[in-house]
């Protein structure tokens, strides 16, 4: 990829992660004149800063096919494949990412993106796939589970709140409700070690770790431990949990770029 030191300096100056998204100047973006510059900007972007710049990239006629595919997979499309394409997500950030994915899909199918010398290697997005046993997709036996917490009740919990609430759980359904909203591996450990944790909760925690905590380096170790404990009948069967009916689970989501379809 050919990009000069001057071009790199320009991008690093005007699009660095220290600049809030609402202060990034669109006029500076349109000073970029090559696919290589857009690719450098795309691959160096901090997603925590929002996706406005990425939206400009995927809507630009300079965007290469390789850049579009890279952004598509960096957006973790598996997290959105349960939704119809006309869905508007409540969470603003996730809706922006979902919109970005839809833009790429539409433009890609219309041959909008340039063929260039920039290469796209899908290997990094495939090689870390965790082997999931078929049986962990299945509904567990037990009493029907249900959710009585609201998302806004738990979104501000600190680590100490998670610990205290897990410790105070008096029934399997209490623990299930806490587990439903977990997104940190530390919380998973507390839940799995709780004496009221059953097979349904363990399977729920497995899917939350798989979908919400994939970036943690020891995640596969935790997933393997859950599989091993379930196979060894460590957990009683108290609550029924069906991963295929869980909107936060990846089990209902198609897994490949080509399978995205309008409903």
C-alpha atoms as a PDB file:
ATOM      1  CA  UNK A   1       0.000   0.000   0.000  1.00  0.00           C
ATOM      2  CA  UNK A   2       1.535   3.305  -1.070  1.00  0.00           C
ATOM      3  CA  UNK A   3       0.986   6.184   1.324  1.00  0.00           C
ATOM      4  CA  UNK A   4       3.479   8.936   1.997  1.00  0.00           C
ATOM      5  CA  UNK A   5       4.737  10.169   5.350  1.00  0.00           C
ATOM      6  CA  UNK A   6       3.008  13.473   4.614  1.00  0.00           C
ATOM      7  CA  UNK A   7      -0.341  11.740   4.104  1.00  0.00           C
ATOM      8  CA  UNK A   8       0.114   9.729   7.299  1.00  0.00           C
ATOM      9  CA  UNK A   9       0.943  12.876   9.263  1.00  0.00           C
ATOM     10  CA  UNK A  10      -2.161  14.627   7.903  1.00  0.00           C
ATOM     11  CA  UNK A  11      -4.437  11.754   8.929  1.00  0.00           C
ATOM     12  CA  UNK A  12      -2.830  11.382  12.341  1.00  0.00           C
ATOM     13  CA  UNK A  13      -3.232  15.102  12.968  1.00  0.00           C
ATOM     14  CA  UNK A  14      -6.854  15.529  11.945  1.00  0.00           C
ATOM     15  CA  UNK A  15      -8.349  12.147  12.849  1.00  0.00           C
ATOM     16  CA  UNK A  16      -6.498  11.044  15.971  1.00  0.00           C
ATOM     17  CA  UNK A  17      -8.431   9.433  18.819  1.00  0.00           C
ATOM     18  CA  UNK A  18      -7.942  12.466  21.042  1.00  0.00           C
ATOM     19  CA  UNK A  19     -10.384  14.473  18.907  1.00  0.00           C
ATOM     20  CA  UNK A  20     -14.042  14.010  19.975  1.00  0.00           C
ATOM     21  CA  UNK A  21     -16.267  12.698  17.190  1.00  0.00           C
ATOM     22  CA  UNK A  22     -18.334  15.885  17.049  1.00  0.00           C
ATOM     23  CA  UNK A  23     -15.169  17.944  16.494  1.00  0.00           C
ATOM     24  CA  UNK A  24     -13.801  15.960  13.550  1.00  0.00           C
ATOM     25  CA  UNK A  25     -13.970  18.155  10.448  1.00  0.00           C
ATOM     26  CA  UNK A  26     -15.644  16.573   7.444  1.00  0.00           C
ATOM     27  CA  UNK A  27     -13.876  19.065   5.190  1.00  0.00           C
ATOM     28  CA  UNK A  28     -10.563  17.482   6.221  1.00  0.00           C
ATOM     29  CA  UNK A  29     -11.881  14.076   5.224  1.00  0.00           C
ATOM     30  CA  UNK A  30     -12.606  15.268   1.696  1.00  0.00           C
ATOM     31  CA  UNK A  31      -8.986  16.356   1.387  1.00  0.00           C
ATOM     32  CA  UNK A  32      -8.097  12.666   1.266  1.00  0.00           C
ATOM     33  CA  UNK A  33      -7.684  11.717  -2.388  1.00  0.00           C
ATOM     34  CA  UNK A  34      -6.661   8.058  -2.497  1.00  0.00           C
ATOM     35  CA  UNK A  35      -8.004   4.659  -1.510  1.00  0.00           C
ATOM     36  CA  UNK A  36      -4.790   4.056   0.415  1.00  0.00           C
ATOM     37  CA  UNK A  37      -5.418   7.066   2.618  1.00  0.00           C
ATOM     38  CA  UNK A  38      -8.936   5.866   3.394  1.00  0.00           C
ATOM     39  CA  UNK A  39      -7.662   2.399   4.212  1.00  0.00           C
ATOM     40  CA  UNK A  40      -5.023   3.787   6.571  1.00  0.00           C
ATOM     41  CA  UNK A  41      -7.675   5.908   8.287  1.00  0.00           C
ATOM     42  CA  UNK A  42     -10.136   3.007   8.535  1.00  0.00           C
ATOM     43  CA  UNK A  43      -7.710   0.499  10.013  1.00  0.00           C
ATOM     44  CA  UNK A  44      -6.343   2.968  12.541  1.00  0.00           C
ATOM     45  CA  UNK A  45      -9.709   4.238  13.748  1.00  0.00           C
ATOM     46  CA  UNK A  46     -10.692   3.814  17.409  1.00  0.00           C
ATOM     47  CA  UNK A  47     -14.282   2.531  17.374  1.00  0.00           C
ATOM     48  CA  UNK A  48     -14.813   3.922  20.870  1.00  0.00           C
ATOM     49  CA  UNK A  49     -14.718   7.355  19.201  1.00  0.00           C
ATOM     50  CA  UNK A  50     -17.861   6.535  17.227  1.00  0.00           C
ATOM     51  CA  UNK A  51     -18.414   5.566  13.609  1.00  0.00           C
ATOM     52  CA  UNK A  52     -19.025   8.912  11.899  1.00  0.00           C
ATOM     53  CA  UNK A  53     -15.639   8.852  10.149  1.00  0.00           C
ATOM     54  CA  UNK A  54     -16.196   5.229   9.126  1.00  0.00           C
ATOM     55  CA  UNK A  55     -19.551   6.232   7.624  1.00  0.00           C
ATOM     56  CA  UNK A  56     -17.761   8.817   5.472  1.00  0.00           C
ATOM     57  CA  UNK A  57     -15.300   6.141   4.375  1.00  0.00           C
ATOM     58  CA  UNK A  58     -17.840   3.518   3.284  1.00  0.00           C
ATOM     59  CA  UNK A  59     -19.877   6.165   1.441  1.00  0.00           C
ATOM     60  CA  UNK A  60     -16.847   7.496  -0.420  1.00  0.00           C
ATOM     61  CA  UNK A  61     -16.300   6.517  -4.074  1.00  0.00           C
ATOM     62  CA  UNK A  62     -12.605   6.232  -3.168  1.00  0.00           C
ATOM     63  CA  UNK A  63     -13.269   3.392  -0.735  1.00  0.00           C
ATOM     64  CA  UNK A  64     -11.747   0.134  -1.875  1.00  0.00           C
ATOM     65  CA  UNK A  65     -13.416  -3.242  -1.695  1.00  0.00           C
ATOM     66  CA  UNK A  66     -10.707  -4.387   0.739  1.00  0.00           C
ATOM     67  CA  UNK A  67     -11.373  -1.441   3.059  1.00  0.00           C
ATOM     68  CA  UNK A  68     -15.124  -2.055   3.019  1.00  0.00           C
ATOM     69  CA  UNK A  69     -14.663  -5.752   3.827  1.00  0.00           C
ATOM     70  CA  UNK A  70     -12.207  -4.957   6.599  1.00  0.00           C
ATOM     71  CA  UNK A  71     -14.665  -2.552   8.226  1.00  0.00           C
ATOM     72  CA  UNK A  72     -17.494  -5.018   7.759  1.00  0.00           C
ATOM     73  CA  UNK A  73     -15.729  -7.697   9.776  1.00  0.00           C
ATOM     74  CA  UNK A  74     -14.318  -5.262  12.342  1.00  0.00           C
ATOM     75  CA  UNK A  75     -17.926  -4.230  13.033  1.00  0.00           C
ATOM     76  CA  UNK A  76     -18.605  -7.793  14.289  1.00  0.00           C
ATOM     77  CA  UNK A  77     -21.590  -8.470  12.005  1.00  0.00           C
ATOM     78  CA  UNK A  78     -22.474 -11.648  13.902  1.00  0.00           C
ATOM     79  CA  UNK A  79     -23.786  -9.412  16.684  1.00  0.00           C
ATOM     80  CA  UNK A  80     -26.454  -7.949  14.368  1.00  0.00           C
ATOM     81  CA  UNK A  81     -27.572 -10.856  12.214  1.00  0.00           C
ATOM     82  CA  UNK A  82     -30.661 -11.498  14.327  1.00  0.00           C
ATOM     83  CA  UNK A  83     -32.185  -8.181  13.204  1.00  0.00           C
ATOM     84  CA  UNK A  84     -34.226  -7.416  10.104  1.00  0.00           C
ATOM     85  CA  UNK A  85     -32.535  -4.838   7.929  1.00  0.00           C
ATOM     86  CA  UNK A  86     -35.272  -2.265   8.528  1.00  0.00           C
ATOM     87  CA  UNK A  87     -34.869  -2.482  12.312  1.00  0.00           C
ATOM     88  CA  UNK A  88     -33.891   0.647  14.224  1.00  0.00           C
ATOM     89  CA  UNK A  89     -31.961  -0.331  17.348  1.00  0.00           C
ATOM     90  CA  UNK A  90     -32.623   1.552  20.579  1.00  0.00           C
ATOM     91  CA  UNK A  91     -28.960   1.899  21.469  1.00  0.00           C
ATOM     92  CA  UNK A  92     -27.607   4.836  19.444  1.00  0.00           C
ATOM     93  CA  UNK A  93     -24.077   3.473  19.006  1.00  0.00           C
ATOM     94  CA  UNK A  94     -25.203  -0.021  18.018  1.00  0.00           C
ATOM     95  CA  UNK A  95     -27.721   1.442  15.604  1.00  0.00           C
ATOM     96  CA  UNK A  96     -24.938   3.471  13.977  1.00  0.00           C
ATOM     97  CA  UNK A  97     -22.802   0.332  13.608  1.00  0.00           C
ATOM     98  CA  UNK A  98     -25.793  -1.573  12.220  1.00  0.00           C
ATOM     99  CA  UNK A  99     -26.401   1.246   9.714  1.00  0.00           C
ATOM    100  CA  UNK A 100     -22.728   1.101   8.730  1.00  0.00           C
ATOM    101  CA  UNK A 101     -23.059  -2.624   8.032  1.00  0.00           C
ATOM    102  CA  UNK A 102     -26.177  -2.080   5.935  1.00  0.00           C
ATOM    103  CA  UNK A 103     -24.427   0.617   3.909  1.00  0.00           C
ATOM    104  CA  UNK A 104     -21.531  -1.702   3.178  1.00  0.00           C
ATOM    105  CA  UNK A 105     -23.877  -4.524   2.192  1.00  0.00           C
ATOM    106  CA  UNK A 106     -25.831  -2.336  -0.200  1.00  0.00           C
ATOM    107  CA  UNK A 107     -22.777  -0.723  -1.766  1.00  0.00           C
ATOM    108  CA  UNK A 108     -20.929  -4.022  -2.039  1.00  0.00           C
ATOM    109  CA  UNK A 109     -23.815  -5.700  -3.838  1.00  0.00           C
ATOM    110  CA  UNK A 110     -23.975  -2.725  -6.226  1.00  0.00           C
ATOM    111  CA  UNK A 111     -20.250  -3.026  -7.053  1.00  0.00           C
ATOM    112  CA  UNK A 112     -19.727   0.443  -5.611  1.00  0.00           C
ATOM    113  CA  UNK A 113     -16.289  -0.209  -4.130  1.00  0.00           C
ATOM    114  CA  UNK A 114     -13.055   0.082  -6.054  1.00  0.00           C
ATOM    115  CA  UNK A 115     -10.851  -2.838  -6.937  1.00  0.00           C
ATOM    116  CA  UNK A 116      -7.401  -1.745  -5.883  1.00  0.00           C
ATOM    117  CA  UNK A 117      -4.009  -3.072  -4.929  1.00  0.00           C
ATOM    118  CA  UNK A 118      -5.084  -3.148  -1.292  1.00  0.00           C
ATOM    119  CA  UNK A 119      -5.530  -6.704  -0.136  1.00  0.00           C
ATOM    120  CA  UNK A 120      -8.071  -8.114   2.291  1.00  0.00           C
ATOM    121  CA  UNK A 121      -7.133 -11.189   4.316  1.00  0.00           C
ATOM    122  CA  UNK A 122     -10.124 -12.791   6.083  1.00  0.00           C
ATOM    123  CA  UNK A 123      -7.908 -15.159   8.101  1.00  0.00           C
ATOM    124  CA  UNK A 124      -7.752 -13.029  11.285  1.00  0.00           C
ATOM    125  CA  UNK A 125     -11.542 -12.969  11.384  1.00  0.00           C
ATOM    126  CA  UNK A 126     -11.854 -16.738  11.038  1.00  0.00           C
ATOM    127  CA  UNK A 127      -8.978 -18.373  12.835  1.00  0.00           C
ATOM    128  CA  UNK A 128     -10.188 -17.536  16.365  1.00  0.00           C
ATOM    129  CA  UNK A 129     -13.602 -19.151  15.910  1.00  0.00           C
ATOM    130  CA  UNK A 130     -14.398 -21.159  19.018  1.00  0.00           C
ATOM    131  CA  UNK A 131     -15.628 -24.730  18.397  1.00  0.00           C
ATOM    132  CA  UNK A 132     -19.124 -24.864  19.919  1.00  0.00           C
ATOM    133  CA  UNK A 133     -20.660 -28.273  20.688  1.00  0.00           C
ATOM    134  CA  UNK A 134     -24.097 -28.847  19.166  1.00  0.00           C
ATOM    135  CA  UNK A 135     -25.753 -29.628  22.486  1.00  0.00           C
ATOM    136  CA  UNK A 136     -25.100 -26.171  23.952  1.00  0.00           C
ATOM    137  CA  UNK A 137     -27.542 -24.690  21.429  1.00  0.00           C
ATOM    138  CA  UNK A 138     -30.352 -26.769  22.923  1.00  0.00           C
ATOM    139  CA  UNK A 139     -32.969 -25.744  25.470  1.00  0.00           C
ATOM    140  CA  UNK A 140     -32.157 -26.881  28.994  1.00  0.00           C
ATOM    141  CA  UNK A 141     -34.633 -28.750  31.193  1.00  0.00           C
ATOM    142  CA  UNK A 142     -36.390 -27.179  34.157  1.00  0.00           C
ATOM    143  CA  UNK A 143     -38.914 -24.542  35.142  1.00  0.00           C
ATOM    144  CA  UNK A 144     -39.575 -21.696  32.731  1.00  0.00           C
ATOM    145  CA  UNK A 145     -37.169 -18.792  33.193  1.00  0.00           C
ATOM    146  CA  UNK A 146     -38.152 -15.140  32.856  1.00  0.00           C
ATOM    147  CA  UNK A 147     -36.603 -11.689  33.135  1.00  0.00           C
ATOM    148  CA  UNK A 148     -37.860  -9.200  35.696  1.00  0.00           C
ATOM    149  CA  UNK A 149     -34.929  -6.793  35.622  1.00  0.00           C
ATOM    150  CA  UNK A 150     -34.876  -3.901  33.158  1.00  0.00           C
ATOM    151  CA  UNK A 151     -31.636  -3.068  31.340  1.00  0.00           C
ATOM    152  CA  UNK A 152     -31.491   0.426  32.838  1.00  0.00           C
ATOM    153  CA  UNK A 153     -31.609  -1.080  36.330  1.00  0.00           C
ATOM    154  CA  UNK A 154     -28.264  -2.838  35.883  1.00  0.00           C
ATOM    155  CA  UNK A 155     -26.379  -0.695  33.387  1.00  0.00           C
ATOM    156  CA  UNK A 156     -24.838   1.459  36.134  1.00  0.00           C
ATOM    157  CA  UNK A 157     -23.848  -1.381  38.431  1.00  0.00           C
ATOM    158  CA  UNK A 158     -20.236  -1.176  39.551  1.00  0.00           C
ATOM    159  CA  UNK A 159     -18.101  -4.247  40.163  1.00  0.00           C
ATOM    160  CA  UNK A 160     -19.026  -4.177  43.841  1.00  0.00           C
ATOM    161  CA  UNK A 161     -22.724  -4.034  42.923  1.00  0.00           C
ATOM    162  CA  UNK A 162     -22.388  -7.119  40.745  1.00  0.00           C
ATOM    163  CA  UNK A 163     -20.618  -8.966  43.556  1.00  0.00           C
ATOM    164  CA  UNK A 164     -23.168  -7.955  46.181  1.00  0.00           C
ATOM    165  CA  UNK A 165     -26.178  -8.781  44.019  1.00  0.00           C
ATOM    166  CA  UNK A 166     -24.783 -12.174  43.031  1.00  0.00           C
ATOM    167  CA  UNK A 167     -24.059 -12.970  46.676  1.00  0.00           C
ATOM    168  CA  UNK A 168     -27.570 -11.878  47.717  1.00  0.00           C
ATOM    169  CA  UNK A 169     -29.338 -14.062  45.117  1.00  0.00           C
ATOM    170  CA  UNK A 170     -31.810 -16.282  46.984  1.00  0.00           C
ATOM    171  CA  UNK A 171     -33.065 -18.405  44.111  1.00  0.00           C
ATOM    172  CA  UNK A 172     -31.982 -19.687  40.727  1.00  0.00           C
ATOM    173  CA  UNK A 173     -34.273 -17.176  38.992  1.00  0.00           C
ATOM    174  CA  UNK A 174     -32.612 -14.319  40.909  1.00  0.00           C
ATOM    175  CA  UNK A 175     -29.230 -15.495  39.701  1.00  0.00           C
ATOM    176  CA  UNK A 176     -30.576 -16.040  36.175  1.00  0.00           C
ATOM    177  CA  UNK A 177     -31.768 -12.436  35.989  1.00  0.00           C
ATOM    178  CA  UNK A 178     -28.348 -11.157  36.995  1.00  0.00           C
ATOM    179  CA  UNK A 179     -26.591 -13.479  34.550  1.00  0.00           C
ATOM    180  CA  UNK A 180     -28.834 -12.298  31.717  1.00  0.00           C
ATOM    181  CA  UNK A 181     -27.233  -8.835  31.796  1.00  0.00           C
ATOM    182  CA  UNK A 182     -23.604  -9.765  32.488  1.00  0.00           C
ATOM    183  CA  UNK A 183     -20.892  -8.586  30.098  1.00  0.00           C
ATOM    184  CA  UNK A 184     -17.706  -8.942  32.147  1.00  0.00           C
ATOM    185  CA  UNK A 185     -15.765 -12.183  32.757  1.00  0.00           C
ATOM    186  CA  UNK A 186     -15.412 -11.343  36.458  1.00  0.00           C
ATOM    187  CA  UNK A 187     -19.187 -11.426  36.800  1.00  0.00           C
ATOM    188  CA  UNK A 188     -19.285 -14.757  34.985  1.00  0.00           C
ATOM    189  CA  UNK A 189     -16.886 -16.288  37.505  1.00  0.00           C
ATOM    190  CA  UNK A 190     -19.016 -15.084  40.441  1.00  0.00           C
ATOM    191  CA  UNK A 191     -22.193 -16.491  38.890  1.00  0.00           C
ATOM    192  CA  UNK A 192     -20.722 -19.855  37.942  1.00  0.00           C
ATOM    193  CA  UNK A 193     -19.307 -20.343  41.436  1.00  0.00           C
ATOM    194  CA  UNK A 194     -22.614 -19.535  43.133  1.00  0.00           C
ATOM    195  CA  UNK A 195     -24.272 -22.583  44.746  1.00  0.00           C
ATOM    196  CA  UNK A 196     -27.568 -21.771  42.993  1.00  0.00           C
ATOM    197  CA  UNK A 197     -26.011 -21.832  39.518  1.00  0.00           C
ATOM    198  CA  UNK A 198     -27.693 -24.526  37.444  1.00  0.00           C
ATOM    199  CA  UNK A 199     -27.206 -25.847  33.927  1.00  0.00           C
ATOM    200  CA  UNK A 200     -29.532 -23.255  32.371  1.00  0.00           C
ATOM    201  CA  UNK A 201     -27.624 -20.402  33.988  1.00  0.00           C
ATOM    202  CA  UNK A 202     -24.285 -21.944  33.010  1.00  0.00           C
ATOM    203  CA  UNK A 203     -25.398 -22.163  29.361  1.00  0.00           C
ATOM    204  CA  UNK A 204     -26.631 -18.558  29.544  1.00  0.00           C
ATOM    205  CA  UNK A 205     -23.255 -17.457  30.943  1.00  0.00           C
ATOM    206  CA  UNK A 206     -21.513 -19.397  28.151  1.00  0.00           C
ATOM    207  CA  UNK A 207     -23.380 -17.402  25.497  1.00  0.00           C
ATOM    208  CA  UNK A 208     -22.813 -14.093  27.267  1.00  0.00           C
ATOM    209  CA  UNK A 209     -19.095 -14.816  27.439  1.00  0.00           C
ATOM    210  CA  UNK A 210     -19.093 -15.864  23.797  1.00  0.00           C
ATOM    211  CA  UNK A 211     -20.953 -12.791  22.547  1.00  0.00           C
ATOM    212  CA  UNK A 212     -20.101 -10.042  25.051  1.00  0.00           C
ATOM    213  CA  UNK A 213     -16.592 -10.926  26.235  1.00  0.00           C
ATOM    214  CA  UNK A 214     -14.834 -12.243  23.141  1.00  0.00           C
ATOM    215  CA  UNK A 215     -12.078  -9.621  23.375  1.00  0.00           C
ATOM    216  CA  UNK A 216     -10.710 -10.993  26.654  1.00  0.00           C
ATOM    217  CA  UNK A 217      -7.611 -13.131  26.245  1.00  0.00           C
ATOM    218  CA  UNK A 218      -8.716 -15.875  28.656  1.00  0.00           C
ATOM    219  CA  UNK A 219     -12.236 -16.141  27.273  1.00  0.00           C
ATOM    220  CA  UNK A 220     -11.730 -19.468  25.496  1.00  0.00           C
ATOM    221  CA  UNK A 221     -10.390 -20.956  28.715  1.00  0.00           C
ATOM    222  CA  UNK A 222     -13.583 -19.942  30.526  1.00  0.00           C
ATOM    223  CA  UNK A 223     -15.776 -21.275  27.713  1.00  0.00           C
ATOM    224  CA  UNK A 224     -13.975 -24.616  27.775  1.00  0.00           C
ATOM    225  CA  UNK A 225     -14.369 -24.792  31.550  1.00  0.00           C
ATOM    226  CA  UNK A 226     -18.146 -24.335  31.275  1.00  0.00           C
ATOM    227  CA  UNK A 227     -18.378 -27.026  28.602  1.00  0.00           C
ATOM    228  CA  UNK A 228     -16.341 -29.401  30.767  1.00  0.00           C
ATOM    229  CA  UNK A 229     -18.432 -28.751  33.890  1.00  0.00           C
ATOM    230  CA  UNK A 230     -21.705 -29.261  32.030  1.00  0.00           C
ATOM    231  CA  UNK A 231     -20.459 -32.498  30.457  1.00  0.00           C
ATOM    232  CA  UNK A 232     -19.412 -33.683  33.926  1.00  0.00           C
ATOM    233  CA  UNK A 233     -22.872 -32.906  35.363  1.00  0.00           C
ATOM    234  CA  UNK A 234     -21.583 -30.293  37.797  1.00  0.00           C
ATOM    235  CA  UNK A 235     -24.821 -28.308  37.504  1.00  0.00           C
ATOM    236  CA  UNK A 236     -28.325 -29.401  38.427  1.00  0.00           C
ATOM    237  CA  UNK A 237     -31.173 -28.822  35.953  1.00  0.00           C
ATOM    238  CA  UNK A 238     -33.450 -26.278  37.599  1.00  0.00           C
ATOM    239  CA  UNK A 239     -34.326 -23.614  35.007  1.00  0.00           C
ATOM    240  CA  UNK A 240     -35.227 -23.907  31.360  1.00  0.00           C
ATOM    241  CA  UNK A 241     -33.159 -21.651  29.088  1.00  0.00           C
ATOM    242  CA  UNK A 242     -33.435 -21.668  25.299  1.00  0.00           C
ATOM    243  CA  UNK A 243     -30.494 -19.910  23.561  1.00  0.00           C
ATOM    244  CA  UNK A 244     -32.410 -19.782  20.283  1.00  0.00           C
ATOM    245  CA  UNK A 245     -35.086 -17.572  21.864  1.00  0.00           C
ATOM    246  CA  UNK A 246     -32.640 -15.238  23.576  1.00  0.00           C
ATOM    247  CA  UNK A 247     -32.349 -11.970  21.646  1.00  0.00           C
ATOM    248  CA  UNK A 248     -28.920 -11.314  23.168  1.00  0.00           C
ATOM    249  CA  UNK A 249     -27.571 -14.711  22.110  1.00  0.00           C
ATOM    250  CA  UNK A 250     -25.607 -15.329  18.929  1.00  0.00           C
ATOM    251  CA  UNK A 251     -27.389 -18.621  18.307  1.00  0.00           C
ATOM    252  CA  UNK A 252     -30.131 -17.060  16.201  1.00  0.00           C
ATOM    253  CA  UNK A 253     -27.718 -15.060  14.072  1.00  0.00           C
ATOM    254  CA  UNK A 254     -26.455 -16.173  10.677  1.00  0.00           C
ATOM    255  CA  UNK A 255     -22.704 -16.166  10.467  1.00  0.00           C
ATOM    256  CA  UNK A 256     -21.552 -15.209   7.017  1.00  0.00           C
ATOM    257  CA  UNK A 257     -21.444 -12.063   4.889  1.00  0.00           C
ATOM    258  CA  UNK A 258     -23.330 -13.666   2.056  1.00  0.00           C
ATOM    259  CA  UNK A 259     -26.233 -14.760   4.240  1.00  0.00           C
ATOM    260  CA  UNK A 260     -27.460 -11.268   5.070  1.00  0.00           C
ATOM    261  CA  UNK A 261     -30.855 -10.898   3.417  1.00  0.00           C
ATOM    262  CA  UNK A 262     -33.820  -8.555   3.559  1.00  0.00           C
ATOM    263  CA  UNK A 263     -36.821  -9.949   5.418  1.00  0.00           C
END
